């Protein structure tokens, strides 16, 4: 491994005197020490200490190459810590790591929770909506949060999600002599003296969370009526067959509902939409579902912007499909890309029938009817038929 110039040292909320001997030796040998003000104080860094810049950046560490540098982080530096950010810019011979028990491990041990049965979240700079896809009846979460006010804000958010009965454990300065754990429910949260660093453990009540099946209710999304309706969306997502971390192009996205559910299944998506008001709805849906790190929207004609994008694993054409667009896609897309296209007009139906004859795949006609009032009784109200072509190139 050579002679690393950078030591990444995990600390609990305690003094540097309690560090393991190897961590202590690396800290003592450092010419420069980076960390948060609390860590620098605990370590007695003195003139060697440099607090992280605001906004956070690893650049001040990288320019110290050639000196002995130590970075102090909470617990395990490679679990929602600075370790991954630093190592992405370094060779393996540049750094060594001395992890401490993570805050997640300390809290799970305190509460008697099995780590493999919970989910762990770093919400220092992420919106609480990031949790929306993991809310489920009885589920347990541990969330690292930004500051002393964040537990109250998280409690409010959970209450607005229908989880006001969630049990919360507010865990302050875990791992040191000043640690404190207090309990509340989300709806009754009234603590105003929370000390950072802080994490919140959550046990959710019954009856919360999103269905894991494709086809969320239409009113889950902001839309102007231009939305792939729930039953057709379920069939469309089944044909698209999302897999973890795969990329979707959603062309003529409307509300972006297909892309949202693709991302909730673990994928990434780029939504193309020409209409400004629909772009606003898509943006709202991205934010409401907390998937801004998985999905983005491009305002404009997809035909002029496709070549600038990373090639996808799957493409959905929900609106604006024409022969020129398909020819462009056939030219751009690599073998193995999945395409699903829906059409409701006679012209699009004819186009998709021709593509099916030429390229193969599956051609499906979807006809649905829903019970609706008919005078004093009820009858079937038919929706427009949808023709769906799906193919793997």
Protein backbone atom coordinates (compact mmCIF):
# COMPACT_ATOMS: atom_id res chain seq x y z
CA UNK A 1 0.00 0.00 0.00
CA UNK A 2 3.03 2.32 0.06
CA UNK A 3 3.26 5.17 2.55
CA UNK A 4 -0.16 6.86 2.80
CA UNK A 5 -0.12 10.61 3.31
CA UNK A 6 -3.77 10.77 4.42
CA UNK A 7 -5.24 9.13 7.52
CA UNK A 8 -9.05 9.05 7.77
CA UNK A 9 -9.89 8.59 11.45
CA UNK A 10 -13.29 7.76 12.89
CA UNK A 11 -14.20 9.18 16.31
CA UNK A 12 -17.04 8.71 18.72
CA UNK A 13 -18.34 11.68 20.66
CA UNK A 14 -15.48 11.39 23.11
CA UNK A 15 -11.93 12.65 23.62
CA UNK A 16 -8.99 11.66 21.45
CA UNK A 17 -7.47 10.01 24.52
CA UNK A 18 -9.94 7.15 24.03
CA UNK A 19 -8.97 6.47 20.42
CA UNK A 20 -7.37 3.11 19.65
CA UNK A 21 -3.58 3.24 19.65
CA UNK A 22 -3.26 3.09 15.83
CA UNK A 23 -5.72 5.95 15.38
CA UNK A 24 -3.97 7.96 18.09
CA UNK A 25 -0.55 7.41 16.46
CA UNK A 26 -1.84 8.58 13.05
CA UNK A 27 -3.36 11.67 14.64
CA UNK A 28 -0.17 12.51 16.56
CA UNK A 29 1.90 12.18 13.36
CA UNK A 30 -0.28 14.56 11.34
CA UNK A 31 1.01 17.94 10.21
CA UNK A 32 -2.53 19.07 9.32
CA UNK A 33 -5.84 17.93 10.81
CA UNK A 34 -9.26 18.48 9.15
CA UNK A 35 -12.61 18.00 10.83
CA UNK A 36 -15.66 19.67 12.27
CA UNK A 37 -15.08 22.17 15.09
CA UNK A 38 -16.28 19.62 17.67
CA UNK A 39 -13.86 16.94 16.46
CA UNK A 40 -10.95 19.38 16.33
CA UNK A 41 -11.68 20.43 19.90
CA UNK A 42 -11.97 16.82 21.13
CA UNK A 43 -8.69 15.97 19.42
CA UNK A 44 -6.86 19.01 20.76
CA UNK A 45 -5.80 19.86 17.21
CA UNK A 46 -4.71 23.41 18.10
CA UNK A 47 -2.81 25.21 15.32
CA UNK A 48 -2.81 22.04 13.20
CA UNK A 49 -6.60 22.09 13.02
CA UNK A 50 -8.56 23.24 9.95
CA UNK A 51 -12.40 23.16 10.07
CA UNK A 52 -14.26 22.00 6.99
CA UNK A 53 -15.24 24.89 4.71
CA UNK A 54 -18.87 25.92 4.29
CA UNK A 55 -20.21 24.78 1.85
CA UNK A 56 -18.43 21.48 2.39
CA UNK A 57 -15.52 20.73 0.06
CA UNK A 58 -12.67 18.22 0.11
CA UNK A 59 -10.42 20.49 -1.98
CA UNK A 60 -8.52 21.90 1.04
CA UNK A 61 -7.51 18.33 1.93
CA UNK A 62 -6.37 17.41 -1.57
CA UNK A 63 -4.06 20.43 -1.88
CA UNK A 64 -2.16 19.23 1.22
CA UNK A 65 -0.79 16.20 -0.64
CA UNK A 66 2.84 15.74 0.38
CA UNK A 67 2.17 16.49 4.06
CA UNK A 68 0.95 14.16 6.79
CA UNK A 69 -2.79 14.85 6.89
CA UNK A 70 -5.48 13.49 9.20
CA UNK A 71 -9.22 13.79 8.62
CA UNK A 72 -11.54 13.31 11.59
CA UNK A 73 -15.04 11.95 10.99
CA UNK A 74 -17.87 10.61 13.11
CA UNK A 75 -17.87 6.85 13.58
CA UNK A 76 -17.27 4.96 10.35
CA UNK A 77 -15.95 7.47 7.76
CA UNK A 78 -17.25 5.33 4.89
CA UNK A 79 -20.87 5.23 6.05
CA UNK A 80 -22.41 8.61 5.16
CA UNK A 81 -19.02 10.17 5.97
CA UNK A 82 -16.17 11.97 4.24
CA UNK A 83 -14.28 8.77 3.43
CA UNK A 84 -16.08 8.00 0.18
CA UNK A 85 -15.83 11.61 -1.04
CA UNK A 86 -12.08 11.61 -0.46
CA UNK A 87 -11.22 8.14 -1.78
CA UNK A 88 -12.99 8.87 -5.08
CA UNK A 89 -10.19 11.36 -5.83
CA UNK A 90 -7.26 9.29 -4.54
CA UNK A 91 -5.24 6.20 -5.32
CA UNK A 92 -5.49 3.36 -2.78
CA UNK A 93 -1.88 4.01 -1.76
CA UNK A 94 -2.74 7.59 -0.74
CA UNK A 95 -4.92 6.87 2.29
CA UNK A 96 -5.50 4.62 5.27
CA UNK A 97 -8.64 4.41 7.39
CA UNK A 98 -9.20 3.86 11.11
CA UNK A 99 -12.96 3.41 11.57
CA UNK A 100 -14.83 3.64 14.85
CA UNK A 101 -18.28 2.20 15.58
CA UNK A 102 -20.84 4.10 13.51
CA UNK A 103 -23.60 6.17 15.06
CA UNK A 104 -25.99 3.64 13.54
CA UNK A 105 -24.28 0.80 15.41
CA UNK A 106 -24.23 2.68 18.70
CA UNK A 107 -27.95 3.56 18.45
CA UNK A 108 -28.96 0.07 17.32
CA UNK A 109 -27.06 -1.40 20.26
CA UNK A 110 -28.67 1.05 22.69
CA UNK A 111 -32.17 0.21 21.44
CA UNK A 112 -31.57 -3.51 20.92
CA UNK A 113 -32.35 -3.31 17.20
CA UNK A 114 -30.84 -5.67 14.63
CA UNK A 115 -29.00 -3.54 12.07
CA UNK A 116 -29.91 -5.93 9.26
CA UNK A 117 -33.60 -5.30 9.94
CA UNK A 118 -33.53 -1.50 9.74
CA UNK A 119 -32.59 1.11 7.14
CA UNK A 120 -30.00 3.83 7.78
CA UNK A 121 -30.17 7.30 6.25
CA UNK A 122 -27.87 10.32 6.05
CA UNK A 123 -30.09 13.40 5.94
CA UNK A 124 -27.54 16.11 6.72
CA UNK A 125 -28.08 17.73 3.33
CA UNK A 126 -30.90 15.62 1.88
CA UNK A 127 -34.64 16.41 2.05
CA UNK A 128 -36.85 14.36 4.34
CA UNK A 129 -38.82 13.36 1.23
CA UNK A 130 -35.91 11.00 0.54
CA UNK A 131 -37.59 8.73 3.12
CA UNK A 132 -40.92 8.54 1.30
CA UNK A 133 -40.07 5.41 -0.64
CA UNK A 134 -39.04 3.47 2.50
CA UNK A 135 -42.02 4.30 4.73
CA UNK A 136 -43.79 1.05 5.57
CA UNK A 137 -45.93 -0.33 8.42
CA UNK A 138 -43.82 -1.06 11.51
CA UNK A 139 -40.55 -0.29 9.74
CA UNK A 140 -37.56 0.98 11.74
CA UNK A 141 -35.21 3.71 10.52
CA UNK A 142 -32.18 5.51 11.92
CA UNK A 143 -31.63 8.97 10.44
CA UNK A 144 -28.58 11.19 10.84
CA UNK A 145 -29.84 14.78 10.73
CA UNK A 146 -28.32 18.20 10.26
CA UNK A 147 -28.68 20.05 13.57
CA UNK A 148 -30.64 20.41 16.78
CA UNK A 149 -33.73 21.77 15.02
CA UNK A 150 -33.91 18.92 12.47
CA UNK A 151 -35.66 16.35 14.75
CA UNK A 152 -38.62 18.70 15.14
CA UNK A 153 -38.78 19.25 11.37
CA UNK A 154 -38.55 15.49 10.77
CA UNK A 155 -41.38 14.91 13.27
CA UNK A 156 -43.53 17.46 11.42
CA UNK A 157 -42.76 15.82 8.08
CA UNK A 158 -43.67 12.36 9.39
CA UNK A 159 -46.93 13.72 10.81
CA UNK A 160 -47.79 15.23 7.41
CA UNK A 161 -47.17 11.81 5.85
CA UNK A 162 -49.79 10.26 8.12
CA UNK A 163 -47.19 8.87 10.53
CA UNK A 164 -47.96 11.08 13.53
CA UNK A 165 -48.09 7.98 15.76
CA UNK A 166 -44.50 7.05 14.88
CA UNK A 167 -42.27 6.48 17.90
CA UNK A 168 -39.10 8.58 17.89
CA UNK A 169 -35.87 8.24 19.85
CA UNK A 170 -33.86 11.48 19.75
CA UNK A 171 -30.23 10.43 20.17
CA UNK A 172 -27.76 13.17 21.04
CA UNK A 173 -23.95 12.96 21.16
CA UNK A 174 -23.92 9.19 21.05
CA UNK A 175 -20.82 7.31 22.14
CA UNK A 176 -19.56 9.81 24.70
CA UNK A 177 -20.17 10.77 28.28
CA UNK A 178 -22.70 13.43 27.20
CA UNK A 179 -24.95 11.10 25.23
CA UNK A 180 -28.69 11.47 25.81
CA UNK A 181 -31.68 9.57 24.40
CA UNK A 182 -35.25 10.85 24.75
CA UNK A 183 -38.51 9.58 23.30
CA UNK A 184 -41.58 11.13 21.75
CA UNK A 185 -44.13 10.50 19.08
CA UNK A 186 -43.95 12.50 15.87
CA UNK A 187 -47.23 14.31 16.48
CA UNK A 188 -46.43 15.17 20.11
CA UNK A 189 -42.82 16.27 19.59
CA UNK A 190 -42.06 19.27 21.81
CA UNK A 191 -38.30 19.17 22.55
CA UNK A 192 -36.51 22.47 22.02
CA UNK A 193 -33.09 21.82 23.58
CA UNK A 194 -31.68 19.15 21.25
CA UNK A 195 -27.88 19.13 21.04
CA UNK A 196 -25.97 18.21 17.89
CA UNK A 197 -24.65 15.86 16.68
CA UNK A 198 -28.00 14.16 16.71
CA UNK A 199 -29.77 11.25 15.06
CA UNK A 200 -33.38 10.13 15.19
CA UNK A 201 -34.47 6.51 15.40
CA UNK A 202 -37.99 5.93 14.10
CA UNK A 203 -40.46 3.09 14.44
CA UNK A 204 -43.35 3.68 12.07
CA UNK A 205 -46.99 2.90 12.88
CA UNK A 206 -49.23 0.64 10.85
CA UNK A 207 -51.02 1.94 7.76
CA UNK A 208 -48.27 4.16 6.32
CA UNK A 209 -46.17 4.03 3.18
CA UNK A 210 -46.45 3.60 -0.55
CA UNK A 211 -47.51 0.39 -2.22
CA UNK A 212 -44.56 -1.50 -3.68
CA UNK A 213 -46.67 -2.66 -6.63
CA UNK A 214 -46.63 -0.67 -9.87
CA UNK A 215 -49.53 1.70 -10.38
CA UNK A 216 -49.84 4.26 -7.58
CA UNK A 217 -53.14 6.17 -7.40
CA UNK A 218 -53.33 9.00 -9.94
CA UNK A 219 -53.86 11.56 -7.17
CA UNK A 220 -50.41 10.71 -5.79
CA UNK A 221 -49.01 12.93 -8.56
CA UNK A 222 -49.27 16.57 -9.55
CA UNK A 223 -50.75 16.56 -13.06
CA UNK A 224 -53.03 18.45 -15.44
CA UNK A 225 -54.85 15.36 -16.67
CA UNK A 226 -51.97 14.37 -18.95
CA UNK A 227 -50.97 11.29 -16.99
CA UNK A 228 -50.63 7.61 -17.79
CA UNK A 229 -53.60 6.32 -15.81
CA UNK A 230 -53.05 3.84 -13.01
CA UNK A 231 -54.00 0.53 -14.73
CA UNK A 232 -52.14 1.43 -17.95
CA UNK A 233 -49.17 2.67 -15.89
CA UNK A 234 -49.00 -0.68 -14.10
CA UNK A 235 -48.97 -2.55 -17.43
CA UNK A 236 -46.43 -0.10 -18.86
CA UNK A 237 -44.03 -0.50 -15.94
CA UNK A 238 -44.40 -4.26 -16.17
CA UNK A 239 -43.35 -4.07 -19.82
CA UNK A 240 -40.46 -1.69 -19.01
CA UNK A 241 -39.26 -4.13 -16.30
CA UNK A 242 -37.23 -1.69 -14.14
CA UNK A 243 -34.06 -2.93 -12.46
CA UNK A 244 -31.85 -1.29 -9.86
CA UNK A 245 -29.77 1.63 -11.17
CA UNK A 246 -30.94 1.27 -14.78
CA UNK A 247 -31.56 4.50 -16.72
CA UNK A 248 -34.90 5.34 -18.35
CA UNK A 249 -35.62 7.95 -21.01
CA UNK A 250 -39.24 9.08 -20.57
CA UNK A 251 -40.18 10.93 -23.77
CA UNK A 252 -43.30 13.07 -23.66
CA UNK A 253 -43.37 12.58 -19.90
CA UNK A 254 -46.59 14.48 -19.07
CA UNK A 255 -46.66 14.27 -15.27
CA UNK A 256 -43.54 12.09 -15.07
CA UNK A 257 -45.50 9.36 -13.27
CA UNK A 258 -43.80 6.55 -15.20
CA UNK A 259 -40.36 7.96 -14.35
CA UNK A 260 -41.28 8.44 -10.69
CA UNK A 261 -42.36 4.83 -10.26
CA UNK A 262 -39.31 3.65 -12.22
CA UNK A 263 -37.11 5.54 -9.73
CA UNK A 264 -39.03 4.21 -6.73
CA UNK A 265 -38.12 0.76 -8.05
CA UNK A 266 -34.44 1.72 -7.80
CA UNK A 267 -33.72 3.13 -11.25
CA UNK A 268 -32.70 6.53 -12.62
CA UNK A 269 -34.64 8.59 -15.17
CA UNK A 270 -34.49 11.54 -17.53
CA UNK A 271 -37.92 12.96 -18.39
CA UNK A 272 -38.34 14.98 -21.61
CA UNK A 273 -41.32 17.33 -21.78
CA UNK A 274 -42.13 20.24 -24.12
CA UNK A 275 -44.84 21.99 -22.08
CA UNK A 276 -43.62 24.35 -19.37
CA UNK A 277 -46.56 23.79 -17.00
CA UNK A 278 -46.03 20.03 -17.19
CA UNK A 279 -42.32 20.48 -16.52
CA UNK A 280 -43.38 22.30 -13.33
CA UNK A 281 -45.60 19.34 -12.37
CA UNK A 282 -42.78 16.88 -13.04
CA UNK A 283 -40.41 18.96 -10.90
CA UNK A 284 -42.97 18.99 -8.07
CA UNK A 285 -43.35 15.21 -8.30
CA UNK A 286 -39.57 14.77 -8.19
CA UNK A 287 -39.41 16.84 -5.02
CA UNK A 288 -42.51 15.31 -3.41
CA UNK A 289 -41.12 11.78 -3.83
CA UNK A 290 -37.57 12.75 -2.79
CA UNK A 291 -35.96 11.37 -5.95
CA UNK A 292 -34.03 14.45 -7.09
CA UNK A 293 -30.83 12.38 -6.93
CA UNK A 294 -32.33 9.81 -9.33
CA UNK A 295 -34.41 11.84 -11.77
CA UNK A 296 -34.22 15.09 -13.72
CA UNK A 297 -36.46 16.76 -16.28
CA UNK A 298 -35.45 18.41 -19.55
CA UNK A 299 -37.72 21.09 -20.98
CA UNK A 300 -37.85 20.95 -24.76
CA UNK A 301 -38.16 18.72 -27.79
CA UNK A 302 -36.63 15.34 -27.03
CA UNK A 303 -35.57 14.94 -30.65
CA UNK A 304 -33.01 17.74 -30.31
CA UNK A 305 -31.61 16.69 -26.93
CA UNK A 306 -31.25 12.92 -26.98
CA UNK A 307 -27.70 12.85 -28.33
CA UNK A 308 -26.44 14.84 -25.35
CA UNK A 309 -27.67 12.27 -22.81
CA UNK A 310 -26.20 9.11 -21.37
CA UNK A 311 -27.64 6.19 -23.33
CA UNK A 312 -30.49 4.46 -21.48
CA UNK A 313 -31.35 0.90 -20.62
CA UNK A 314 -35.02 1.50 -21.44
CA UNK A 315 -37.13 4.10 -23.26
CA UNK A 316 -40.79 4.96 -22.76
CA UNK A 317 -42.62 7.02 -25.38
CA UNK A 318 -45.86 8.22 -23.88
CA UNK A 319 -46.55 11.25 -26.04
CA UNK A 320 -45.34 12.75 -29.29
CA UNK A 321 -44.18 9.49 -30.82
CA UNK A 322 -43.64 9.76 -34.58
CA UNK A 323 -41.71 7.98 -37.29
CA UNK A 324 -38.79 10.45 -37.14
CA UNK A 325 -38.37 9.97 -33.39
CA UNK A 326 -38.34 6.19 -33.70
CA UNK A 327 -35.79 6.35 -36.55
CA UNK A 328 -33.56 8.52 -34.35
CA UNK A 329 -33.91 6.07 -31.47
CA UNK A 330 -33.09 3.06 -33.64
CA UNK A 331 -29.94 4.88 -34.79
CA UNK A 332 -28.86 5.90 -31.26
CA UNK A 333 -29.79 3.02 -28.99
CA UNK A 334 -27.53 0.02 -28.44
CA UNK A 335 -28.61 -3.58 -28.77
CA UNK A 336 -30.49 -4.78 -25.69
CA UNK A 337 -32.32 -1.50 -25.02
CA UNK A 338 -35.97 -1.97 -24.11
CA UNK A 339 -38.57 0.28 -25.78
CA UNK A 340 -42.20 0.65 -24.71
CA UNK A 341 -44.53 3.02 -26.58
CA UNK A 342 -48.18 3.80 -25.87
CA UNK A 343 -50.57 5.35 -28.37
CA UNK A 344 -54.22 6.42 -28.31
CA UNK A 345 -54.68 7.97 -31.77
CA UNK A 346 -55.36 6.06 -34.97
CA UNK A 347 -52.19 7.54 -36.47
CA UNK A 348 -50.01 6.34 -33.60
CA UNK A 349 -51.76 2.95 -33.58
CA UNK A 350 -50.94 2.54 -37.27
CA UNK A 351 -47.31 3.56 -36.65
CA UNK A 352 -46.92 1.08 -33.80
CA UNK A 353 -48.52 -1.70 -35.82
CA UNK A 354 -46.02 -1.07 -38.59
CA UNK A 355 -43.10 -1.06 -36.16
CA UNK A 356 -44.33 -4.34 -34.70
CA UNK A 357 -44.44 -5.88 -38.16
CA UNK A 358 -40.93 -4.60 -38.92
CA UNK A 359 -39.12 -5.00 -35.59
CA UNK A 360 -41.11 -7.66 -33.77
CA UNK A 361 -41.80 -7.48 -30.05
CA UNK A 362 -45.26 -7.45 -28.50
CA UNK A 363 -48.30 -5.43 -29.55
CA UNK A 364 -51.03 -5.09 -26.93
CA UNK A 365 -54.40 -3.36 -27.11
CA UNK A 366 -55.62 -2.25 -23.69
CA UNK A 367 -59.35 -1.62 -23.33
CA UNK A 368 -60.65 -0.66 -19.89
CA UNK A 369 -64.03 0.32 -18.52
CA UNK A 370 -64.97 1.62 -15.10
CA UNK A 371 -68.29 1.52 -13.30
CA UNK A 372 -69.97 4.97 -13.28
CA UNK A 373 -73.43 6.37 -12.52
CA UNK A 374 -75.99 5.87 -15.31
CA UNK A 375 -79.17 7.64 -14.29
CA UNK A 376 -80.29 6.04 -11.05
CA UNK A 377 -78.17 2.96 -11.75
CA UNK A 378 -74.65 2.19 -12.88
CA UNK A 379 -73.03 1.29 -16.14
CA UNK A 380 -69.65 0.78 -17.72
CA UNK A 381 -67.80 3.89 -18.88
CA UNK A 382 -65.09 2.98 -21.35
CA UNK A 383 -61.73 4.71 -21.49
CA UNK A 384 -59.96 5.34 -24.78
CA UNK A 385 -58.20 2.17 -25.93
CA UNK A 386 -54.43 2.24 -25.62
CA UNK A 387 -52.14 0.38 -28.00
CA UNK A 388 -48.80 -0.59 -26.48
CA UNK A 389 -45.77 -1.78 -28.43
CA UNK A 390 -42.82 -3.20 -26.52
CA UNK A 391 -39.58 -4.54 -27.95
CA UNK A 392 -35.99 -5.27 -26.99
CA UNK A 393 -33.60 -4.12 -29.69
